[in-house]
C-alpha cells in the first residue's frame, strides 16, 4: 500500500523502485522533501517547451563587453531565472555560460576552416554568487595548438573582482569535412 508521500511524488510502483531496504526511511523522506522543493515531477509550462529555451534564458543574461584575439569578456546578471533553490546562480547555468564563453573565445584563435568540439569542461565552484549580483566573465586562451585549444574562464564578482567560479575547457580542433 502506498503512503501519502509516495502518491505526492509519483514514485514508480514498488516492484520497480530502486530504493533499497537498507536505507533509513527518514533519509528517504529527506531526499524526497528536497526533490519536491526543487520541483521534481513538476509540469513544464508550454512556453518553456520550445527548442533551446534554456539557451535563450542563459544567453539573455550575458552582455558582451570586449573581444580581443584570444580573449572575450562579458557581464552576467544573476537573476531569478538562473538562480537555484538557495537563491544563488544555478550550477547548470554556470556550466552553460562557461561553455558558451569558452567556444566564443576559442573562435577568436581557431581558423574558420576548423570545427571545434568540446572534449572537457571542468568547473570549480569557489563561492556562491547570490541573486542580483553582477559578475564579470573573462575567457582567455591558455593553449592553442594544431589539434587542441584550451580556454580558461573565470567568473568574478564585479565589485570585488574575487573569483567565484573557475573553469577550464578543452576543445579538439578538427578540419571541416569536404563531402
N, C-alpha and C. Protein backbone atom coordinates (compact mmCIF):
# COMPACT_ATOMS: atom_id res chain seq x y z
N UNK A 1 0.84 -1.18 0.00
CA UNK A 1 0.00 0.00 0.00
C UNK A 1 0.89 1.25 0.00
N UNK A 2 0.55 2.23 -0.87
CA UNK A 2 1.35 3.44 -0.97
C UNK A 2 1.02 4.41 0.16
N UNK A 3 2.06 5.13 0.61
CA UNK A 3 1.84 6.17 1.61
C UNK A 3 1.44 7.45 0.88
N UNK A 4 1.00 8.44 1.65
CA UNK A 4 0.65 9.74 1.06
C UNK A 4 1.85 10.37 0.36
N UNK A 5 3.02 10.27 1.00
CA UNK A 5 4.24 10.84 0.42
C UNK A 5 4.53 10.21 -0.94
N UNK A 6 4.40 8.89 -1.04
CA UNK A 6 4.67 8.21 -2.29
C UNK A 6 3.71 8.66 -3.38
N UNK A 7 2.47 8.91 -3.03
CA UNK A 7 1.49 9.38 -4.01
C UNK A 7 1.84 10.79 -4.49
N UNK A 8 2.29 11.67 -3.56
CA UNK A 8 2.61 13.05 -3.91
C UNK A 8 3.79 13.12 -4.88
N UNK A 9 4.78 12.26 -4.70
CA UNK A 9 5.99 12.32 -5.50
C UNK A 9 5.89 11.49 -6.78
N UNK A 10 4.83 10.73 -6.92
CA UNK A 10 4.64 9.89 -8.08
C UNK A 10 5.80 8.92 -8.26
N UNK A 11 6.11 8.19 -7.18
CA UNK A 11 7.15 7.17 -7.27
C UNK A 11 6.66 6.03 -8.13
N UNK A 12 7.60 5.31 -8.77
CA UNK A 12 7.17 4.16 -9.57
C UNK A 12 6.59 3.08 -8.66
N UNK A 13 5.89 2.12 -9.23
CA UNK A 13 5.31 1.05 -8.39
C UNK A 13 6.41 0.34 -7.60
N UNK A 14 6.05 -0.21 -6.42
CA UNK A 14 7.05 -0.85 -5.56
C UNK A 14 7.93 -1.87 -6.26
N UNK A 15 7.39 -2.59 -7.23
CA UNK A 15 8.18 -3.62 -7.90
C UNK A 15 9.33 -3.05 -8.73
N UNK A 16 9.26 -1.77 -9.11
CA UNK A 16 10.31 -1.19 -9.95
C UNK A 16 11.13 -0.12 -9.22
N UNK A 17 10.92 0.08 -7.94
CA UNK A 17 11.67 1.09 -7.19
C UNK A 17 13.10 0.66 -6.97
N UNK A 18 13.97 1.63 -6.93
CA UNK A 18 15.38 1.37 -6.71
C UNK A 18 15.83 1.77 -5.31
N UNK A 19 14.90 1.96 -4.40
CA UNK A 19 15.23 2.30 -3.02
C UNK A 19 15.46 0.99 -2.28
N UNK A 20 16.68 0.77 -1.82
CA UNK A 20 16.99 -0.48 -1.14
C UNK A 20 16.45 -0.46 0.28
N UNK A 21 16.26 -1.64 0.82
CA UNK A 21 15.68 -1.78 2.16
C UNK A 21 16.64 -1.29 3.25
N UNK A 22 17.93 -1.22 2.95
CA UNK A 22 18.89 -0.80 3.97
C UNK A 22 18.99 0.72 4.12
N UNK A 23 18.19 1.49 3.37
CA UNK A 23 18.18 2.94 3.51
C UNK A 23 17.13 3.32 4.55
N UNK A 24 17.56 4.09 5.52
CA UNK A 24 16.68 4.55 6.59
C UNK A 24 15.52 5.36 6.01
N UNK A 25 14.31 5.08 6.44
CA UNK A 25 13.11 5.77 5.96
C UNK A 25 13.18 7.28 6.15
N UNK A 26 13.84 7.73 7.25
CA UNK A 26 13.98 9.18 7.49
C UNK A 26 14.86 9.82 6.43
N UNK A 27 15.89 9.12 6.00
CA UNK A 27 16.75 9.65 4.93
C UNK A 27 15.99 9.72 3.62
N UNK A 28 15.18 8.71 3.35
CA UNK A 28 14.36 8.73 2.14
C UNK A 28 13.42 9.93 2.18
N UNK A 29 12.80 10.18 3.33
CA UNK A 29 11.90 11.33 3.48
C UNK A 29 12.63 12.64 3.20
N UNK A 30 13.87 12.77 3.71
CA UNK A 30 14.65 13.99 3.48
C UNK A 30 14.96 14.18 2.00
N UNK A 31 15.32 13.09 1.34
CA UNK A 31 15.62 13.17 -0.09
C UNK A 31 14.37 13.54 -0.87
N UNK A 32 13.27 12.91 -0.55
CA UNK A 32 12.00 13.21 -1.24
C UNK A 32 11.61 14.67 -1.01
N UNK A 33 11.73 15.17 0.24
CA UNK A 33 11.43 16.57 0.53
C UNK A 33 12.30 17.50 -0.32
N UNK A 34 13.59 17.21 -0.37
CA UNK A 34 14.49 18.05 -1.18
C UNK A 34 14.07 18.04 -2.64
N UNK A 35 13.82 16.86 -3.19
CA UNK A 35 13.43 16.77 -4.60
C UNK A 35 12.11 17.47 -4.89
N UNK A 36 11.18 17.41 -3.94
CA UNK A 36 9.92 18.14 -4.12
C UNK A 36 10.17 19.64 -4.11
N UNK A 37 11.03 20.10 -3.21
CA UNK A 37 11.32 21.53 -3.11
C UNK A 37 11.99 22.08 -4.36
N UNK A 38 12.76 21.25 -5.05
CA UNK A 38 13.41 21.72 -6.27
C UNK A 38 12.59 21.43 -7.52
N UNK A 39 11.37 20.90 -7.33
CA UNK A 39 10.44 20.80 -8.44
C UNK A 39 10.37 19.47 -9.16
N UNK A 40 10.73 18.38 -8.51
CA UNK A 40 10.64 17.09 -9.17
C UNK A 40 9.20 16.80 -9.59
N UNK A 41 9.06 16.24 -10.74
CA UNK A 41 7.77 15.86 -11.31
C UNK A 41 6.87 17.06 -11.62
N UNK A 42 7.42 18.28 -11.60
CA UNK A 42 6.63 19.44 -11.97
C UNK A 42 6.36 19.42 -13.47
N UNK A 43 5.24 19.96 -13.86
CA UNK A 43 4.94 20.08 -15.28
C UNK A 43 5.70 21.26 -15.85
N UNK A 44 6.21 21.09 -17.05
CA UNK A 44 6.93 22.17 -17.72
C UNK A 44 5.90 22.99 -18.48
N UNK A 45 5.80 24.30 -18.18
CA UNK A 45 4.83 25.14 -18.89
C UNK A 45 5.10 25.13 -20.40
N UNK A 46 4.04 25.25 -21.19
CA UNK A 46 4.17 25.20 -22.64
C UNK A 46 5.15 26.22 -23.19
N UNK A 47 5.17 27.43 -22.60
CA UNK A 47 6.06 28.46 -23.12
C UNK A 47 7.53 28.14 -22.85
N UNK A 48 7.81 27.11 -22.04
CA UNK A 48 9.19 26.70 -21.78
C UNK A 48 9.55 25.43 -22.52
N UNK A 49 8.69 24.97 -23.38
CA UNK A 49 8.93 23.73 -24.11
C UNK A 49 9.42 23.96 -25.53
N UNK A 50 9.81 25.18 -25.84
CA UNK A 50 10.30 25.47 -27.18
C UNK A 50 11.76 25.02 -27.31
N UNK A 51 12.18 24.83 -28.54
CA UNK A 51 13.54 24.38 -28.81
C UNK A 51 14.55 25.39 -28.25
N UNK A 52 15.53 24.87 -27.53
CA UNK A 52 16.65 25.64 -27.00
C UNK A 52 16.22 26.75 -26.04
N UNK A 53 15.10 26.57 -25.36
CA UNK A 53 14.61 27.56 -24.40
C UNK A 53 15.65 27.88 -23.34
N UNK A 54 16.33 26.85 -22.83
CA UNK A 54 17.32 27.06 -21.78
C UNK A 54 18.46 27.94 -22.27
N UNK A 55 18.92 27.72 -23.49
CA UNK A 55 19.99 28.55 -24.04
C UNK A 55 19.58 30.01 -24.13
N UNK A 56 18.33 30.24 -24.49
CA UNK A 56 17.85 31.62 -24.57
C UNK A 56 17.82 32.28 -23.21
N UNK A 57 17.43 31.55 -22.19
CA UNK A 57 17.41 32.10 -20.83
C UNK A 57 18.82 32.46 -20.40
N UNK A 58 19.73 31.51 -20.54
CA UNK A 58 21.11 31.73 -20.10
C UNK A 58 21.76 32.85 -20.91
N UNK A 59 21.61 32.80 -22.21
CA UNK A 59 22.23 33.80 -23.07
C UNK A 59 21.70 35.20 -22.85
N UNK A 60 20.45 35.32 -22.47
CA UNK A 60 19.86 36.66 -22.27
C UNK A 60 20.44 37.37 -21.04
N UNK A 61 21.13 36.64 -20.19
CA UNK A 61 21.74 37.25 -19.00
C UNK A 61 23.17 37.71 -19.25
N UNK A 62 23.69 37.45 -20.45
CA UNK A 62 25.05 37.85 -20.81
C UNK A 62 25.03 39.15 -21.60
N UNK A 63 25.99 40.01 -21.31
CA UNK A 63 26.17 41.25 -22.08
C UNK A 63 27.63 41.34 -22.48
N UNK A 64 27.88 41.40 -23.79
CA UNK A 64 29.24 41.45 -24.30
C UNK A 64 29.93 42.74 -23.88
N UNK A 65 31.16 42.60 -23.44
CA UNK A 65 31.96 43.77 -23.05
C UNK A 65 33.15 43.97 -23.99
N UNK A 66 33.92 42.91 -24.27
CA UNK A 66 35.13 43.09 -25.05
C UNK A 66 35.52 41.80 -25.77
N UNK A 67 36.02 41.95 -26.99
CA UNK A 67 36.56 40.83 -27.76
C UNK A 67 37.96 41.21 -28.22
N UNK A 68 38.92 40.34 -27.94
CA UNK A 68 40.29 40.51 -28.42
C UNK A 68 40.75 39.16 -28.95
N UNK A 69 41.91 39.14 -29.59
CA UNK A 69 42.49 37.87 -30.03
C UNK A 69 42.81 37.04 -28.78
N UNK A 70 42.13 35.90 -28.64
CA UNK A 70 42.38 35.01 -27.51
C UNK A 70 41.70 35.41 -26.21
N UNK A 71 40.75 36.35 -26.28
CA UNK A 71 40.10 36.80 -25.05
C UNK A 71 38.70 37.36 -25.33
N UNK A 72 37.74 36.97 -24.48
CA UNK A 72 36.37 37.51 -24.57
C UNK A 72 35.92 37.82 -23.14
N UNK A 73 35.30 38.97 -22.96
CA UNK A 73 34.80 39.37 -21.64
C UNK A 73 33.33 39.76 -21.76
N UNK A 74 32.52 39.25 -20.82
CA UNK A 74 31.09 39.58 -20.77
C UNK A 74 30.70 39.89 -19.33
N UNK A 75 29.56 40.54 -19.20
CA UNK A 75 28.95 40.75 -17.88
C UNK A 75 27.79 39.77 -17.76
N UNK A 76 27.53 39.33 -16.54
CA UNK A 76 26.46 38.36 -16.28
C UNK A 76 25.69 38.81 -15.05
N UNK A 77 24.36 38.90 -15.18
CA UNK A 77 23.49 39.28 -14.07
C UNK A 77 22.82 38.04 -13.52
N UNK A 78 22.91 37.83 -12.22
CA UNK A 78 22.27 36.68 -11.58
C UNK A 78 20.83 37.08 -11.25
N UNK A 79 19.92 36.70 -12.13
CA UNK A 79 18.50 36.99 -11.98
C UNK A 79 17.76 35.71 -11.58
N UNK A 80 16.51 35.81 -11.13
CA UNK A 80 15.77 34.63 -10.68
C UNK A 80 15.71 33.48 -11.69
N UNK A 81 15.70 33.77 -12.97
CA UNK A 81 15.60 32.71 -13.98
C UNK A 81 16.80 31.78 -13.97
N UNK A 82 17.94 32.24 -13.46
CA UNK A 82 19.14 31.40 -13.42
C UNK A 82 19.58 31.09 -11.99
N UNK A 83 18.69 31.35 -11.04
CA UNK A 83 19.01 31.08 -9.63
C UNK A 83 18.54 29.68 -9.25
N UNK A 84 19.23 29.12 -8.28
CA UNK A 84 18.85 27.79 -7.79
C UNK A 84 17.91 27.93 -6.59
N UNK A 85 17.58 26.81 -6.00
CA UNK A 85 16.68 26.74 -4.85
C UNK A 85 17.16 27.60 -3.68
N UNK A 86 18.47 27.77 -3.57
CA UNK A 86 19.05 28.51 -2.45
C UNK A 86 19.23 30.00 -2.75
N UNK A 87 18.88 30.44 -3.95
CA UNK A 87 18.93 31.86 -4.28
C UNK A 87 20.22 32.31 -4.94
N UNK A 88 21.13 31.40 -5.20
CA UNK A 88 22.36 31.75 -5.91
C UNK A 88 22.29 31.27 -7.35
N UNK A 89 23.29 31.64 -8.13
CA UNK A 89 23.29 31.21 -9.53
C UNK A 89 23.37 29.68 -9.58
N UNK A 90 22.58 29.09 -10.44
CA UNK A 90 22.49 27.64 -10.57
C UNK A 90 23.78 27.11 -11.21
N UNK A 91 24.27 26.00 -10.69
CA UNK A 91 25.48 25.39 -11.23
C UNK A 91 25.36 25.05 -12.70
N UNK A 92 24.17 24.64 -13.13
CA UNK A 92 23.95 24.34 -14.54
C UNK A 92 24.06 25.59 -15.41
N UNK A 93 23.60 26.72 -14.87
CA UNK A 93 23.73 27.99 -15.61
C UNK A 93 25.20 28.37 -15.72
N UNK A 94 25.98 28.14 -14.66
CA UNK A 94 27.42 28.42 -14.70
C UNK A 94 28.05 27.58 -15.81
N UNK A 95 27.71 26.29 -15.86
CA UNK A 95 28.25 25.41 -16.89
C UNK A 95 27.87 25.85 -18.29
N UNK A 96 26.61 26.23 -18.47
CA UNK A 96 26.13 26.66 -19.79
C UNK A 96 26.84 27.94 -20.24
N UNK A 97 27.01 28.89 -19.32
CA UNK A 97 27.69 30.14 -19.66
C UNK A 97 29.18 29.88 -19.92
N UNK A 98 29.80 29.05 -19.10
CA UNK A 98 31.22 28.74 -19.28
C UNK A 98 31.46 28.11 -20.65
N UNK A 99 30.58 27.20 -21.05
CA UNK A 99 30.72 26.56 -22.36
C UNK A 99 30.61 27.59 -23.48
N UNK A 100 29.61 28.46 -23.42
CA UNK A 100 29.42 29.47 -24.47
C UNK A 100 30.61 30.43 -24.54
N UNK A 101 31.06 30.86 -23.37
CA UNK A 101 32.19 31.79 -23.33
C UNK A 101 33.46 31.12 -23.87
N UNK A 102 33.68 29.87 -23.52
CA UNK A 102 34.86 29.16 -23.99
C UNK A 102 34.82 28.98 -25.51
N UNK A 103 33.65 28.64 -26.04
CA UNK A 103 33.52 28.49 -27.50
C UNK A 103 33.80 29.82 -28.19
N UNK A 104 33.20 30.90 -27.68
CA UNK A 104 33.40 32.22 -28.28
C UNK A 104 34.88 32.60 -28.26
N UNK A 105 35.54 32.34 -27.15
CA UNK A 105 36.95 32.68 -27.01
C UNK A 105 37.81 31.83 -27.95
N UNK A 106 37.55 30.52 -27.99
CA UNK A 106 38.31 29.65 -28.89
C UNK A 106 38.17 30.09 -30.34
N UNK A 107 37.00 30.56 -30.70
CA UNK A 107 36.75 31.01 -32.07
C UNK A 107 37.60 32.22 -32.45
N UNK A 108 38.12 32.94 -31.47
CA UNK A 108 38.97 34.10 -31.80
C UNK A 108 40.36 33.68 -32.26
N UNK A 109 40.74 32.40 -32.05
CA UNK A 109 42.09 31.95 -32.43
C UNK A 109 42.09 30.74 -33.36
N UNK A 110 41.03 29.95 -33.41
CA UNK A 110 40.98 28.75 -34.25
C UNK A 110 40.53 29.15 -35.64
N UNK A 111 41.25 28.69 -36.63
CA UNK A 111 40.94 29.03 -38.02
C UNK A 111 39.51 28.65 -38.38
N UNK A 112 38.90 29.48 -39.21
CA UNK A 112 37.50 29.27 -39.62
C UNK A 112 37.25 27.92 -40.24
N UNK A 113 38.24 27.39 -40.95
CA UNK A 113 38.05 26.13 -41.64
C UNK A 113 38.11 24.92 -40.71
N UNK A 114 38.20 25.14 -39.41
CA UNK A 114 38.20 24.05 -38.45
C UNK A 114 36.96 24.10 -37.57
N UNK A 115 36.40 22.92 -37.32
CA UNK A 115 35.32 22.78 -36.35
C UNK A 115 35.96 22.57 -34.98
N UNK A 116 35.29 23.04 -33.94
CA UNK A 116 35.79 22.77 -32.59
C UNK A 116 34.76 21.93 -31.85
N UNK A 117 35.25 20.97 -31.09
CA UNK A 117 34.39 20.06 -30.33
C UNK A 117 34.84 20.08 -28.88
N UNK A 118 33.91 20.32 -27.99
CA UNK A 118 34.22 20.33 -26.56
C UNK A 118 34.58 18.93 -26.11
N UNK A 119 35.78 18.78 -25.56
CA UNK A 119 36.25 17.49 -25.06
C UNK A 119 36.11 17.41 -23.55
N UNK A 120 36.28 18.55 -22.87
CA UNK A 120 36.26 18.53 -21.41
C UNK A 120 35.91 19.93 -20.91
N UNK A 121 35.08 19.96 -19.88
CA UNK A 121 34.75 21.21 -19.21
C UNK A 121 34.80 20.93 -17.72
N UNK A 122 35.68 21.62 -17.01
CA UNK A 122 35.75 21.45 -15.56
C UNK A 122 35.44 22.78 -14.90
N UNK A 123 34.75 22.72 -13.77
CA UNK A 123 34.34 23.94 -13.07
C UNK A 123 34.64 23.78 -11.59
N UNK A 124 35.30 24.78 -11.03
CA UNK A 124 35.50 24.84 -9.59
C UNK A 124 34.55 25.91 -9.05
N UNK A 125 33.66 25.49 -8.17
CA UNK A 125 32.69 26.40 -7.56
C UNK A 125 33.30 26.89 -6.25
N UNK A 126 33.87 28.08 -6.27
CA UNK A 126 34.62 28.59 -5.12
C UNK A 126 33.75 29.36 -4.13
N UNK A 127 32.86 30.20 -4.64
CA UNK A 127 31.94 30.99 -3.81
C UNK A 127 30.58 31.03 -4.50
N UNK A 128 29.54 31.12 -3.71
CA UNK A 128 28.20 31.27 -4.28
C UNK A 128 28.04 32.69 -4.81
N UNK A 129 27.33 32.82 -5.91
CA UNK A 129 27.01 34.14 -6.47
C UNK A 129 25.53 34.37 -6.22
N UNK A 130 25.18 35.19 -5.22
CA UNK A 130 23.78 35.36 -4.85
C UNK A 130 22.96 36.10 -5.92
N UNK A 131 21.65 35.93 -5.80
CA UNK A 131 20.73 36.62 -6.72
C UNK A 131 21.02 38.11 -6.72
N UNK A 132 20.87 38.70 -7.88
CA UNK A 132 21.07 40.12 -8.15
C UNK A 132 22.53 40.55 -8.12
N UNK A 133 23.46 39.62 -8.00
CA UNK A 133 24.86 40.00 -8.08
C UNK A 133 25.25 40.16 -9.55
N UNK A 134 26.28 40.95 -9.77
CA UNK A 134 26.80 41.18 -11.11
C UNK A 134 28.17 40.52 -11.20
N UNK A 135 28.37 39.78 -12.28
CA UNK A 135 29.64 39.07 -12.47
C UNK A 135 30.31 39.53 -13.75
N UNK A 136 31.63 39.46 -13.74
CA UNK A 136 32.43 39.66 -14.95
C UNK A 136 32.94 38.28 -15.33
N UNK A 137 32.77 37.91 -16.58
CA UNK A 137 33.24 36.62 -17.05
C UNK A 137 34.36 36.87 -18.05
N UNK A 138 35.51 36.37 -17.71
CA UNK A 138 36.71 36.56 -18.51
C UNK A 138 37.15 35.22 -19.08
N UNK A 139 37.14 35.08 -20.39
CA UNK A 139 37.60 33.86 -21.04
C UNK A 139 38.88 34.17 -21.80
N UNK A 140 39.90 33.34 -21.61
CA UNK A 140 41.16 33.56 -22.31
C UNK A 140 41.77 32.23 -22.74
N UNK A 141 42.39 32.24 -23.91
CA UNK A 141 43.01 31.03 -24.43
C UNK A 141 44.30 30.78 -23.67
N UNK A 142 44.42 29.57 -23.10
CA UNK A 142 45.63 29.16 -22.38
C UNK A 142 46.61 28.47 -23.32
N UNK A 143 46.05 27.71 -24.28
CA UNK A 143 46.87 26.97 -25.23
C UNK A 143 46.11 26.86 -26.54
N UNK A 144 46.80 27.11 -27.62
CA UNK A 144 46.19 26.91 -28.93
C UNK A 144 47.17 26.17 -29.81
N UNK A 145 46.88 24.90 -30.03
CA UNK A 145 47.73 24.08 -30.88
C UNK A 145 47.03 23.72 -32.16
N UNK A 146 47.66 22.83 -32.90
CA UNK A 146 47.11 22.40 -34.18
C UNK A 146 45.80 21.64 -34.02
N UNK A 147 45.71 20.81 -32.96
CA UNK A 147 44.53 19.97 -32.79
C UNK A 147 43.78 20.21 -31.48
N UNK A 148 44.35 20.99 -30.57
CA UNK A 148 43.72 21.22 -29.26
C UNK A 148 43.80 22.70 -28.89
N UNK A 149 42.71 23.19 -28.34
CA UNK A 149 42.67 24.56 -27.78
C UNK A 149 42.14 24.46 -26.36
N UNK A 150 42.81 25.14 -25.42
CA UNK A 150 42.40 25.15 -24.02
C UNK A 150 42.04 26.58 -23.64
N UNK A 151 40.89 26.75 -23.00
CA UNK A 151 40.41 28.07 -22.61
C UNK A 151 40.12 28.09 -21.12
N UNK A 152 40.58 29.14 -20.44
CA UNK A 152 40.26 29.36 -19.02
C UNK A 152 39.14 30.38 -18.95
N UNK A 153 38.15 30.11 -18.12
CA UNK A 153 37.02 31.03 -17.95
C UNK A 153 36.87 31.31 -16.46
N UNK A 154 37.02 32.58 -16.09
CA UNK A 154 36.86 32.98 -14.69
C UNK A 154 35.62 33.86 -14.53
N UNK A 155 34.81 33.52 -13.54
CA UNK A 155 33.65 34.32 -13.17
C UNK A 155 34.08 35.10 -11.93
N UNK A 156 34.02 36.43 -12.00
CA UNK A 156 34.43 37.27 -10.87
C UNK A 156 33.29 38.19 -10.47
N UNK A 157 33.21 38.47 -9.17
CA UNK A 157 32.25 39.47 -8.72
C UNK A 157 32.68 40.82 -9.28
N UNK A 158 31.74 41.56 -9.83
CA UNK A 158 32.06 42.84 -10.48
C UNK A 158 32.67 43.83 -9.49
N UNK A 159 32.13 43.89 -8.29
CA UNK A 159 32.60 44.87 -7.30
C UNK A 159 33.99 44.53 -6.75
N UNK A 160 34.16 43.31 -6.27
CA UNK A 160 35.40 42.95 -5.56
C UNK A 160 36.45 42.31 -6.46
N UNK A 161 36.03 41.85 -7.65
CA UNK A 161 36.92 41.13 -8.58
C UNK A 161 37.37 39.77 -8.02
N UNK A 162 36.74 39.30 -6.96
CA UNK A 162 37.06 38.00 -6.39
C UNK A 162 36.49 36.91 -7.30
N UNK A 163 37.29 35.89 -7.58
CA UNK A 163 36.85 34.79 -8.45
C UNK A 163 35.86 33.91 -7.68
N UNK A 164 34.68 33.68 -8.28
CA UNK A 164 33.70 32.79 -7.64
C UNK A 164 33.61 31.43 -8.33
N UNK A 165 33.88 31.38 -9.65
CA UNK A 165 33.90 30.12 -10.39
C UNK A 165 35.10 30.16 -11.34
N UNK A 166 35.82 29.06 -11.38
CA UNK A 166 36.97 28.96 -12.27
C UNK A 166 36.77 27.74 -13.16
N UNK A 167 36.86 27.94 -14.47
CA UNK A 167 36.55 26.87 -15.41
C UNK A 167 37.68 26.69 -16.42
N UNK A 168 37.79 25.47 -16.91
CA UNK A 168 38.74 25.17 -17.99
C UNK A 168 38.02 24.31 -19.02
N UNK A 169 38.15 24.69 -20.27
CA UNK A 169 37.53 23.93 -21.36
C UNK A 169 38.61 23.51 -22.34
N UNK A 170 38.54 22.27 -22.77
CA UNK A 170 39.47 21.75 -23.78
C UNK A 170 38.66 21.40 -25.02
N UNK A 171 39.13 21.90 -26.15
CA UNK A 171 38.47 21.65 -27.43
C UNK A 171 39.39 20.89 -28.37
N UNK A 172 38.79 20.00 -29.16
CA UNK A 172 39.51 19.39 -30.28
C UNK A 172 39.24 20.26 -31.49
N UNK A 173 40.28 20.58 -32.24
CA UNK A 173 40.16 21.35 -33.47
C UNK A 173 40.24 20.37 -34.63
N UNK A 174 39.17 20.29 -35.42
CA UNK A 174 39.10 19.30 -36.50
C UNK A 174 38.84 20.01 -37.83
N UNK A 175 39.53 19.56 -38.87
CA UNK A 175 39.23 20.14 -40.20
C UNK A 175 37.80 19.80 -40.60
N UNK A 176 37.14 20.74 -41.27
CA UNK A 176 35.77 20.52 -41.73
C UNK A 176 35.82 19.51 -42.88
N UNK A 177 34.92 18.55 -42.84
CA UNK A 177 34.84 17.52 -43.87
C UNK A 177 34.45 18.15 -45.20
N UNK A 178 35.06 17.69 -46.27
CA UNK A 178 34.77 18.22 -47.61
C UNK A 178 33.92 17.24 -48.40
N UNK A 179 32.85 16.75 -47.82
CA UNK A 179 31.98 15.77 -48.50
C UNK A 179 31.13 16.40 -49.56
